[in-house]
Amino acid sequence: MEFRIADTFTDSLSRLTGDEQKAVKTTAFDLQMNPASPRLSFHKLDKAKDKNFWSVRVSEDIRLIVHRTGESILLCYVDHHHKAYSWAERRKLQTHPKTGAAQFVEIRETVQEIFIPTYVEVEAPPPKKAKGTLFKDLNDDDLLGYGVPSEWLSDVRAATEDSILSLVENLPHEAAEALLELATGGKPIVVQPTAGTGNPFDHPNAQRRFRVMKNVEELQRALEFPWDKWTIFLHPEQREWEWVERDQSGPARVSGSAGTGKTIVALHRAVHLARRNPESRVLLTTFSEPLANALKIKLARLVSSEPRLAERIDVYSLDVLGEHLFKSHCGKFSIADQATVRGFMKAASKNVGGHKFSHHFLVTEWEQIVDAWQLSTWEEYRDVARLSRKTRLPENQRKILWAVFEEVHSKLKAWGLVTRAGLFTNLAAALKKAKNPPFEFVVLSHS
């Protein structure tokens, strides 16, 4: 039988007193060890819409809400008697019809207003101008794709700027985040389910709120720390990859779909390398600055009791790392921003003349070919394979283009500017000549 806990359980547990939490933890351990134990007092919740919700008596007034089937037990919520029952009566656990993710859905309550007729004539206030709905252009399939429960489609479609914040409080996290992103003009990313499994708890969205507890040690750790802290530890499935502690003589790659824990594995790999090699420095890096900041927080939590170890693990995004190392190995620099390069390109195109290449074509040719591959001579540009470009160019056209790009190169040099690609190229050359590398090990987390 699978034993799971939900983030709603750990959140509600943290709001109880210390003595109450101790009693809840004891009951939770008993449930995991032997859910059929006669010492456990299960009570069927008659008013709950989800017939798999049960309460378990913790003490005279504390009740633990569980979702129990023949194959699993899920710790859902804990509180004083009436509050715990009320929580369960207003929710149900279901699999989303489109995303396939397991989610708690709050049951919509219809409130009917009773109008009492009055015979006092008063002047009616002018009607308020109705605000436009935020999601009128989205159909049901779009909203379902973002994880909105079917029961809440009509409410979402009627949402306005005034009601959106109160509405999202009743929705699953992925649906709330997507709607807020849409309301502010963004385009949410739809998380795809993990391939090869039909289990609704395996979906990445579900793994944000439900976790399997394989043994008493994992449950103990989960009950000891807040949700966002204990989830930095590896699950048994991730340990089975063995890559975290594997002896590796060269580069290695770990791949997987979203939600499979690649970032956490990378974090543990960096810590393992630092522990295994006490004289080394380890770099944990990523392409995203927000992800780098998140990794710093997770690293601090993971090695909070080993400050010396943490000192030897550096966490940077690649751009910040490049600038930091360039300053120490190559000296001062100024990055040429996109607007500056495009200005140089426009001027160079006008000066060269005699061609019909658009400004957009020139800029993309520069960004995707010339600057990306750091081409600095006509021969390099003439011979490069332009596999990523759809437009084929004969040699005479390339000569015209190179005249434009050569002028851009000259402008950058005259102004003392370097592109970001140029920064990494020069840095790589400098590090190749250095006696000692800045890091003995590098772990890159792509997402």
Protein backbone atom coordinates (compact mmCIF):
# COMPACT_ATOMS: atom_id res chain seq x y z
CA MET A 1 0.00 0.00 0.00
CA GLU A 2 1.38 3.40 -0.99
CA PHE A 3 1.61 5.99 1.76
CA ARG A 4 1.54 9.65 0.71
CA ILE A 5 1.36 13.03 2.34
CA ALA A 6 0.05 16.29 0.89
CA ASP A 7 1.38 19.82 1.28
CA THR A 8 -1.98 20.75 2.82
CA PHE A 9 -1.22 18.28 5.62
CA THR A 10 2.22 19.68 6.47
CA ASP A 11 0.87 23.25 6.28
CA SER A 12 -1.99 22.48 8.67
CA LEU A 13 0.33 20.53 10.99
CA SER A 14 2.60 23.58 11.38
CA ARG A 15 -0.33 25.62 12.75
CA LEU A 16 -0.88 23.31 15.75
CA THR A 17 0.81 23.61 19.12
CA GLY A 18 3.96 21.64 19.90
CA ASP A 19 2.15 19.01 21.98
CA GLU A 20 -0.56 18.64 19.35
CA GLN A 21 2.07 18.14 16.63
CA LYS A 22 3.76 15.39 18.64
CA ALA A 23 0.47 13.53 18.95
CA VAL A 24 -0.24 13.92 15.21
CA LYS A 25 3.22 12.61 14.29
CA THR A 26 2.72 9.54 16.48
CA THR A 27 -0.59 8.81 14.76
CA ALA A 28 0.99 9.35 11.33
CA PHE A 29 3.78 6.87 12.11
CA ASP A 30 1.18 4.33 13.30
CA LEU A 31 -0.75 4.79 10.07
CA GLN A 32 2.33 4.17 7.97
CA MET A 33 3.47 1.12 9.94
CA ASN A 34 0.07 -0.58 10.18
CA PRO A 35 -3.02 1.19 8.82
CA ALA A 36 -5.16 -1.75 9.97
CA SER A 37 -4.07 -1.43 13.59
CA PRO A 38 -7.03 -1.68 16.02
CA ARG A 39 -5.55 1.25 17.96
CA LEU A 40 -6.42 3.59 15.07
CA SER A 41 -9.91 5.02 15.22
CA PHE A 42 -11.23 5.64 11.68
CA HIS A 43 -14.49 7.49 11.21
CA LYS A 44 -16.42 7.77 7.94
CA LEU A 45 -17.28 11.35 6.96
CA ASP A 46 -20.93 11.18 5.99
CA LYS A 47 -21.16 14.77 4.72
CA ALA A 48 -18.03 14.62 2.57
CA LYS A 49 -18.64 14.58 -1.18
CA ASP A 50 -15.53 12.42 -1.61
CA LYS A 51 -16.46 9.08 -0.06
CA ASN A 52 -12.80 8.14 0.41
CA PHE A 53 -12.26 10.85 3.03
CA TRP A 54 -11.99 9.49 6.58
CA SER A 55 -11.04 11.06 9.88
CA VAL A 56 -8.56 9.49 12.29
CA ARG A 57 -8.76 10.36 15.96
CA VAL A 58 -5.50 11.87 17.26
CA SER A 59 -6.71 13.19 20.62
CA GLU A 60 -9.88 14.38 22.28
CA ASP A 61 -10.22 17.26 19.81
CA ILE A 62 -7.64 16.76 17.02
CA ARG A 63 -8.66 14.90 13.87
CA LEU A 64 -6.46 13.80 10.99
CA ILE A 65 -8.16 13.71 7.57
CA VAL A 66 -6.98 10.90 5.30
CA HIS A 67 -7.95 9.78 1.82
CA ARG A 68 -8.10 5.98 1.96
CA THR A 69 -8.49 3.48 -0.86
CA GLY A 70 -7.60 -0.16 -1.17
CA GLU A 71 -4.20 0.75 -2.65
CA SER A 72 -3.14 3.89 -0.79
CA ILE A 73 -3.45 6.21 2.17
CA LEU A 74 -2.94 9.96 1.79
CA LEU A 75 -2.51 12.30 4.77
CA CYS A 76 -4.54 15.34 3.72
CA TYR A 77 -5.21 17.69 6.63
CA VAL A 78 -5.19 17.96 10.41
CA ASP A 79 -6.98 20.36 12.73
CA HIS A 80 -9.45 20.63 15.58
CA HIS A 81 -12.55 18.49 15.11
CA HIS A 82 -15.00 20.85 13.41
CA LYS A 83 -12.38 22.64 11.29
CA ALA A 84 -10.96 19.33 10.06
CA TYR A 85 -14.40 18.03 9.10
CA SER A 86 -15.28 21.30 7.39
CA TRP A 87 -12.09 21.15 5.31
CA ALA A 88 -12.91 17.63 4.08
CA GLU A 89 -16.56 18.42 3.34
CA ARG A 90 -15.52 21.25 1.01
CA ARG A 91 -13.03 19.28 -1.08
CA LYS A 92 -12.55 16.18 -3.17
CA LEU A 93 -9.51 14.44 -4.61
CA GLN A 94 -9.77 13.88 -8.34
CA THR A 95 -7.75 13.37 -11.49
CA HIS A 96 -7.93 16.35 -13.81
CA PRO A 97 -9.79 15.34 -17.00
CA LYS A 98 -7.20 16.90 -19.33
CA THR A 99 -3.84 17.21 -17.57
CA GLY A 100 -4.17 13.88 -15.78
CA ALA A 101 -2.75 15.33 -12.54
CA ALA A 102 -4.14 14.46 -9.12
CA GLN A 103 -5.47 17.58 -7.40
CA PHE A 104 -7.67 18.68 -4.52
CA VAL A 105 -10.71 20.49 -5.91
CA GLU A 106 -12.67 22.82 -3.70
CA ILE A 107 -16.39 22.23 -4.14
CA ARG A 108 -18.29 25.24 -5.40
CA GLU A 109 -20.95 26.42 -3.02
CA THR A 110 -24.02 28.16 -4.45
CA VAL A 111 -25.35 30.89 -2.22
CA GLN A 112 -28.89 32.00 -2.94
CA GLU A 113 -29.78 35.51 -1.88
CA ILE A 114 -33.24 35.95 -0.39
CA PHE A 115 -34.78 39.26 -1.38
CA ILE A 116 -37.26 40.80 1.06
CA PRO A 117 -39.65 43.13 -0.74
CA THR A 118 -39.81 46.70 0.45
CA TYR A 119 -42.39 49.38 -0.19
CA VAL A 120 -40.14 52.33 0.49
CA GLU A 121 -39.44 54.15 -2.73
CA VAL A 122 -35.85 55.27 -3.07
CA GLU A 123 -33.96 56.68 -5.98
CA ALA A 124 -31.99 53.91 -7.62
CA PRO A 125 -28.25 54.62 -7.89
CA PRO A 126 -26.81 54.75 -11.39
CA PRO A 127 -25.67 51.30 -12.53
CA LYS A 128 -21.97 50.63 -12.26
CA LYS A 129 -20.09 50.10 -15.46
CA ALA A 130 -19.35 46.40 -15.76
CA LYS A 131 -15.69 45.50 -16.00
CA GLY A 132 -14.58 43.21 -18.80
CA THR A 133 -13.87 39.59 -18.09
CA LEU A 134 -10.22 38.59 -18.25
CA PHE A 135 -10.47 35.22 -19.99
CA LYS A 136 -13.28 35.72 -22.50
CA ASP A 137 -11.00 34.76 -25.41
CA LEU A 138 -10.09 31.37 -23.94
CA ASN A 139 -12.23 28.31 -24.59
CA ASP A 140 -12.84 25.48 -22.13
CA ASP A 141 -10.08 23.35 -23.65
CA ASP A 142 -7.53 26.15 -23.10
CA LEU A 143 -8.55 26.60 -19.46
CA LEU A 144 -8.56 22.85 -18.81
CA GLY A 145 -5.05 22.69 -20.26
CA TYR A 146 -3.89 25.05 -17.52
CA GLY A 147 -5.29 22.74 -14.83
CA VAL A 148 -8.55 24.59 -14.10
CA PRO A 149 -11.03 22.06 -12.65
CA SER A 150 -14.16 21.51 -14.76
CA GLU A 151 -16.40 22.72 -11.92
CA TRP A 152 -14.70 26.12 -11.92
CA LEU A 153 -14.76 26.89 -15.66
CA SER A 154 -17.79 29.20 -15.44
CA ASP A 155 -16.32 31.11 -12.50
CA VAL A 156 -13.02 31.58 -14.30
CA ARG A 157 -14.76 32.75 -17.45
CA ALA A 158 -16.60 35.40 -15.41
CA ALA A 159 -13.46 36.59 -13.60
CA THR A 160 -12.61 40.31 -13.66
CA GLU A 161 -9.76 42.37 -12.27
CA ASP A 162 -11.74 42.73 -9.04
CA SER A 163 -12.48 39.03 -8.56
CA ILE A 164 -9.39 37.28 -9.89
CA LEU A 165 -7.38 37.37 -6.64
CA SER A 166 -10.17 35.87 -4.52
CA LEU A 167 -10.92 33.31 -7.23
CA VAL A 168 -7.40 31.86 -7.52
CA GLU A 169 -7.33 31.15 -3.77
CA ASN A 170 -9.84 28.35 -4.46
CA LEU A 171 -7.94 26.75 -7.34
CA PRO A 172 -5.03 24.26 -7.55
CA HIS A 173 -1.60 25.92 -7.68
CA GLU A 174 -0.92 25.32 -11.36
CA ALA A 175 -4.31 26.77 -12.38
CA ALA A 176 -3.89 29.80 -10.11
CA GLU A 177 -0.40 30.53 -11.42
CA ALA A 178 -1.50 30.19 -15.05
CA LEU A 179 -4.49 32.52 -14.62
CA LEU A 180 -2.42 35.18 -12.89
CA GLU A 181 0.17 34.92 -15.65
CA LEU A 182 -2.54 35.34 -18.29
CA ALA A 183 -4.13 38.23 -16.41
CA THR A 184 -0.83 40.13 -16.46
CA GLY A 185 -0.24 39.56 -20.18
CA GLY A 186 2.02 36.51 -19.98
CA LYS A 187 1.85 33.09 -21.62
CA PRO A 188 1.91 30.21 -19.10
CA ILE A 189 3.91 27.08 -19.84
CA VAL A 190 1.79 23.93 -19.90
CA VAL A 191 3.59 21.17 -17.99
CA GLN A 192 3.40 17.85 -19.83
CA PRO A 193 2.91 14.60 -17.90
CA THR A 194 5.80 12.21 -17.42
CA ALA A 195 5.86 9.72 -20.28
CA GLY A 196 5.05 6.09 -19.68
CA THR A 197 2.81 6.36 -16.62
CA GLY A 198 -0.89 6.79 -16.13
CA ASN A 199 -0.62 7.39 -12.39
CA PRO A 200 -2.15 10.84 -11.63
CA PHE A 201 0.30 11.28 -8.74
CA ASP A 202 3.27 10.99 -11.12
CA HIS A 203 2.33 14.15 -13.04
CA PRO A 204 4.79 17.01 -12.32
CA ASN A 205 1.93 19.24 -11.13
CA ALA A 206 0.80 16.55 -8.69
CA GLN A 207 4.33 16.05 -7.38
CA ARG A 208 4.31 19.66 -6.23
CA ARG A 209 1.69 18.76 -3.61
CA PHE A 210 1.79 14.98 -3.04
CA ARG A 211 4.81 12.87 -2.13
CA VAL A 212 5.23 9.14 -1.52
CA MET A 213 6.81 8.20 1.81
CA LYS A 214 8.77 4.97 1.33
CA ASN A 215 9.83 4.45 4.94
CA VAL A 216 9.68 5.82 8.47
CA GLU A 217 12.85 7.87 7.98
CA GLU A 218 11.36 9.76 5.05
CA LEU A 219 8.12 10.41 6.92
CA GLN A 220 10.03 11.57 9.98
CA ARG A 221 11.98 14.04 7.87
CA ALA A 222 8.82 15.24 6.13
CA LEU A 223 7.12 15.91 9.47
CA GLU A 224 10.19 17.60 10.89
CA PHE A 225 10.64 20.31 8.26
CA PRO A 226 8.39 22.59 6.21
CA TRP A 227 7.34 21.23 2.81
CA ASP A 228 9.78 23.37 0.81
CA LYS A 229 12.71 22.26 2.98
CA TRP A 230 12.34 18.48 3.15
CA THR A 231 11.63 18.18 -0.57
CA ILE A 232 15.28 19.00 -1.29
CA PHE A 233 16.19 15.48 -0.15
CA LEU A 234 16.48 12.70 -2.70
CA HIS A 235 13.72 10.18 -3.15
CA PRO A 236 14.64 6.49 -3.51
CA GLU A 237 13.86 6.59 -7.24
CA GLN A 238 16.43 9.36 -7.68
CA ARG A 239 19.00 7.42 -5.66
CA GLU A 240 18.56 4.50 -8.01
CA TRP A 241 19.96 6.61 -10.85
CA GLU A 242 23.30 6.18 -9.00
CA TRP A 243 24.69 9.18 -10.87
CA VAL A 244 24.86 11.27 -7.70
CA GLU A 245 27.65 9.17 -6.22
CA ARG A 246 29.10 7.60 -9.37
CA ASP A 247 32.83 7.92 -10.12
CA GLN A 248 32.94 9.74 -13.43
CA SER A 249 36.11 10.18 -15.51
CA GLY A 250 34.57 12.68 -17.94
CA PRO A 251 31.41 14.56 -18.84
CA ALA A 252 28.05 12.89 -18.19
CA ARG A 253 24.48 13.88 -18.91
CA VAL A 254 21.29 13.12 -16.97
CA SER A 255 18.08 13.78 -18.89
CA GLY A 256 14.42 13.55 -18.00
CA SER A 257 11.11 15.30 -18.44
CA ALA A 258 9.87 18.14 -16.25
CA GLY A 259 9.19 17.17 -12.65
CA THR A 260 11.50 14.15 -12.51
CA GLY A 261 13.93 15.81 -10.10
CA LYS A 262 16.91 16.62 -12.32
CA THR A 263 17.62 19.87 -10.44
CA ILE A 264 17.63 18.12 -7.06
CA VAL A 265 19.93 15.41 -8.43
CA ALA A 266 22.31 18.12 -9.70
CA LEU A 267 22.27 19.75 -6.27
CA HIS A 268 23.15 16.48 -4.54
CA ARG A 269 25.84 15.72 -7.12
CA ALA A 270 27.56 19.04 -6.37
CA VAL A 271 27.44 18.36 -2.62
CA HIS A 272 28.75 14.80 -3.10
CA LEU A 273 31.69 16.04 -5.19
CA ALA A 274 32.60 18.63 -2.57
CA ARG A 275 32.47 16.03 0.21
CA ARG A 276 34.43 13.43 -1.79
CA ASN A 277 37.12 15.95 -2.76
CA PRO A 278 37.82 18.10 0.32
CA GLU A 279 40.43 20.29 -1.40
CA SER A 280 38.34 21.07 -4.47
CA ARG A 281 36.01 23.84 -5.54
CA VAL A 282 32.71 22.87 -7.17
CA LEU A 283 30.62 24.99 -9.49
CA LEU A 284 26.85 24.49 -9.64
CA THR A 285 25.56 26.56 -12.53
CA THR A 286 22.50 27.09 -14.71
CA PHE A 287 21.35 29.28 -17.58
CA SER A 288 18.72 31.07 -15.48
CA GLU A 289 19.45 33.66 -12.80
CA PRO A 290 16.18 32.94 -10.91
CA LEU A 291 16.99 29.21 -10.89
CA ALA A 292 20.51 29.97 -9.65
CA ASN A 293 19.05 31.98 -6.76
CA ALA A 294 16.65 29.12 -5.97
CA LEU A 295 19.56 26.65 -5.98
CA LYS A 296 21.48 28.87 -3.52
CA ILE A 297 18.56 28.68 -1.11
CA LYS A 298 18.21 24.90 -1.50
CA LEU A 299 21.97 24.42 -1.06
CA ALA A 300 21.93 26.45 2.16
CA ARG A 301 19.15 24.24 3.49
CA LEU A 302 20.83 21.01 2.44
CA VAL A 303 24.23 21.76 4.01
CA SER A 304 23.14 24.12 6.79
CA SER A 305 25.10 22.05 9.32
CA GLU A 306 28.28 22.02 7.17
CA PRO A 307 29.30 25.66 6.58
CA ARG A 308 32.84 24.73 5.48
CA LEU A 309 31.40 22.48 2.79
CA ALA A 310 29.08 25.22 1.56
CA GLU A 311 32.05 27.59 1.19
CA ARG A 312 33.54 25.34 -1.50
CA ILE A 313 30.40 25.19 -3.66
CA ASP A 314 29.75 28.24 -5.83
CA VAL A 315 26.30 28.75 -7.38
CA TYR A 316 26.03 31.15 -10.33
CA SER A 317 24.05 31.60 -13.50
CA LEU A 318 26.35 31.27 -16.53
CA ASP A 319 26.12 34.97 -17.44
CA VAL A 320 27.01 36.15 -13.94
CA LEU A 321 29.77 33.54 -13.71
CA GLY A 322 31.25 34.66 -17.05
CA GLU A 323 31.37 38.30 -15.98
CA HIS A 324 32.88 37.40 -12.59
CA LEU A 325 35.65 35.25 -14.08
CA PHE A 326 36.34 37.68 -16.93
CA LYS A 327 37.04 40.49 -14.45
CA SER A 328 39.52 38.38 -12.52
CA HIS A 329 41.30 36.83 -15.55
CA CYS A 330 40.98 39.44 -18.30
CA GLY A 331 40.30 42.77 -16.61
CA LYS A 332 37.61 45.38 -17.04
CA PHE A 333 35.05 45.11 -19.82
CA SER A 334 31.84 46.62 -21.14
CA ILE A 335 29.12 44.43 -22.62
CA ALA A 336 27.64 45.57 -25.93
CA ASP A 337 23.88 45.44 -25.42
CA GLN A 338 21.51 44.45 -28.20
CA ALA A 339 20.42 48.01 -28.98
CA THR A 340 24.03 49.16 -29.45
CA VAL A 341 24.89 46.28 -31.79
CA ARG A 342 21.75 46.88 -33.85
CA GLY A 343 22.65 50.55 -34.11
CA PHE A 344 26.12 49.66 -35.39
CA MET A 345 24.52 47.20 -37.82
CA LYS A 346 22.15 49.78 -39.25
CA ALA A 347 24.97 52.28 -39.80
CA ALA A 348 27.27 49.66 -41.36
CA SER A 349 24.53 48.47 -43.70
CA LYS A 350 24.00 52.02 -44.93
CA ASN A 351 27.73 52.64 -45.38
CA VAL A 352 28.31 49.44 -47.38
CA GLY A 353 25.16 49.83 -49.50
CA GLY A 354 24.53 48.04 -52.82
CA HIS A 355 22.47 45.22 -51.29
CA LYS A 356 18.87 44.33 -50.46
CA PHE A 357 19.41 42.59 -47.13
CA SER A 358 16.90 43.68 -44.49
CA HIS A 359 17.98 44.93 -41.10
CA HIS A 360 16.29 41.91 -39.49
CA PHE A 361 18.25 39.49 -41.71
CA LEU A 362 21.55 41.22 -40.91
CA VAL A 363 20.90 41.15 -37.16
CA THR A 364 19.88 37.47 -37.08
CA GLU A 365 22.83 36.48 -39.31
CA TRP A 366 25.12 38.26 -36.88
CA GLU A 367 23.53 36.78 -33.75
CA GLN A 368 23.10 33.20 -35.00
CA ILE A 369 26.22 32.80 -37.13
CA VAL A 370 28.91 35.49 -36.93
CA ASP A 371 28.81 36.34 -33.22
CA ALA A 372 27.61 32.92 -32.07
CA TRP A 373 30.55 31.18 -33.76
CA GLN A 374 32.91 34.11 -33.11
CA LEU A 375 33.91 34.44 -36.76
CA SER A 376 36.60 37.09 -37.10
CA THR A 377 37.87 36.72 -40.69
CA TRP A 378 36.38 36.59 -44.17
CA GLU A 379 37.71 33.06 -44.69
CA GLU A 380 35.95 31.81 -41.55
CA TYR A 381 32.63 33.34 -42.64
CA ARG A 382 33.04 32.11 -46.24
CA ASP A 383 33.56 28.50 -45.15
CA VAL A 384 31.13 28.26 -42.22
CA ALA A 385 28.18 25.88 -42.59
CA ARG A 386 25.02 27.90 -42.02
CA LEU A 387 22.90 24.92 -41.00
CA SER A 388 20.54 26.93 -38.82
CA ARG A 389 19.71 29.44 -41.59
CA LYS A 390 17.10 28.84 -44.26
CA THR A 391 18.47 31.36 -46.80
CA ARG A 392 21.33 30.01 -48.94
CA LEU A 393 24.05 32.52 -49.79
CA PRO A 394 26.49 32.36 -52.72
CA GLU A 395 30.02 33.66 -52.16
CA ASN A 396 29.45 37.09 -53.76
CA GLN A 397 26.57 37.79 -51.34
CA ARG A 398 28.60 36.61 -48.39
CA LYS A 399 31.31 39.10 -49.35
CA ILE A 400 28.82 41.97 -49.12
CA LEU A 401 27.57 40.69 -45.80
CA TRP A 402 31.08 40.32 -44.44
CA ALA A 403 31.82 43.93 -45.32
CA VAL A 404 28.90 44.92 -43.06
CA PHE A 405 29.94 42.59 -40.23
CA GLU A 406 33.57 43.67 -40.48
CA GLU A 407 32.51 47.27 -39.91
CA VAL A 408 30.48 46.19 -36.85
CA HIS A 409 33.57 44.38 -35.53
CA SER A 410 35.61 47.58 -35.99
CA LYS A 411 32.99 49.68 -34.17
CA LEU A 412 32.89 47.31 -31.22
CA LYS A 413 36.69 47.37 -30.94
CA ALA A 414 36.85 51.18 -31.23
CA TRP A 415 34.26 51.59 -28.51
CA GLY A 416 35.93 49.02 -26.25
CA LEU A 417 32.85 46.77 -26.23
CA VAL A 418 32.53 42.99 -26.18
CA THR A 419 29.50 40.86 -26.94
CA ARG A 420 28.51 38.17 -24.47
CA ALA A 421 29.66 35.46 -26.88
CA GLY A 422 32.95 37.32 -27.24
CA LEU A 423 33.30 37.51 -23.48
CA PHE A 424 33.08 33.73 -23.13
CA THR A 425 35.44 33.15 -26.07
CA ASN A 426 38.12 35.41 -24.59
CA LEU A 427 37.55 33.95 -21.14
CA ALA A 428 37.98 30.39 -22.44
CA ALA A 429 41.30 31.37 -24.04
CA ALA A 430 42.49 32.99 -20.79
CA LEU A 431 41.49 29.99 -18.66
CA LYS A 432 43.27 27.66 -21.05
CA LYS A 433 46.54 29.48 -20.31
CA ALA A 434 45.96 29.66 -16.55
CA LYS A 435 47.95 27.32 -14.32
CA ASN A 436 45.03 26.40 -12.09
CA PRO A 437 41.38 26.16 -13.12
CA PRO A 438 38.86 28.11 -10.98
CA PHE A 439 36.87 24.90 -10.39
CA GLU A 440 37.77 21.23 -10.29
CA PHE A 441 34.18 20.13 -10.93
CA VAL A 442 31.24 21.68 -12.76
CA VAL A 443 27.60 20.62 -12.47
CA LEU A 444 25.20 22.30 -14.92
CA SER A 445 21.46 22.23 -14.30
CA HIS A 446 19.60 23.04 -17.49
CA SER A 447 16.15 23.50 -15.89
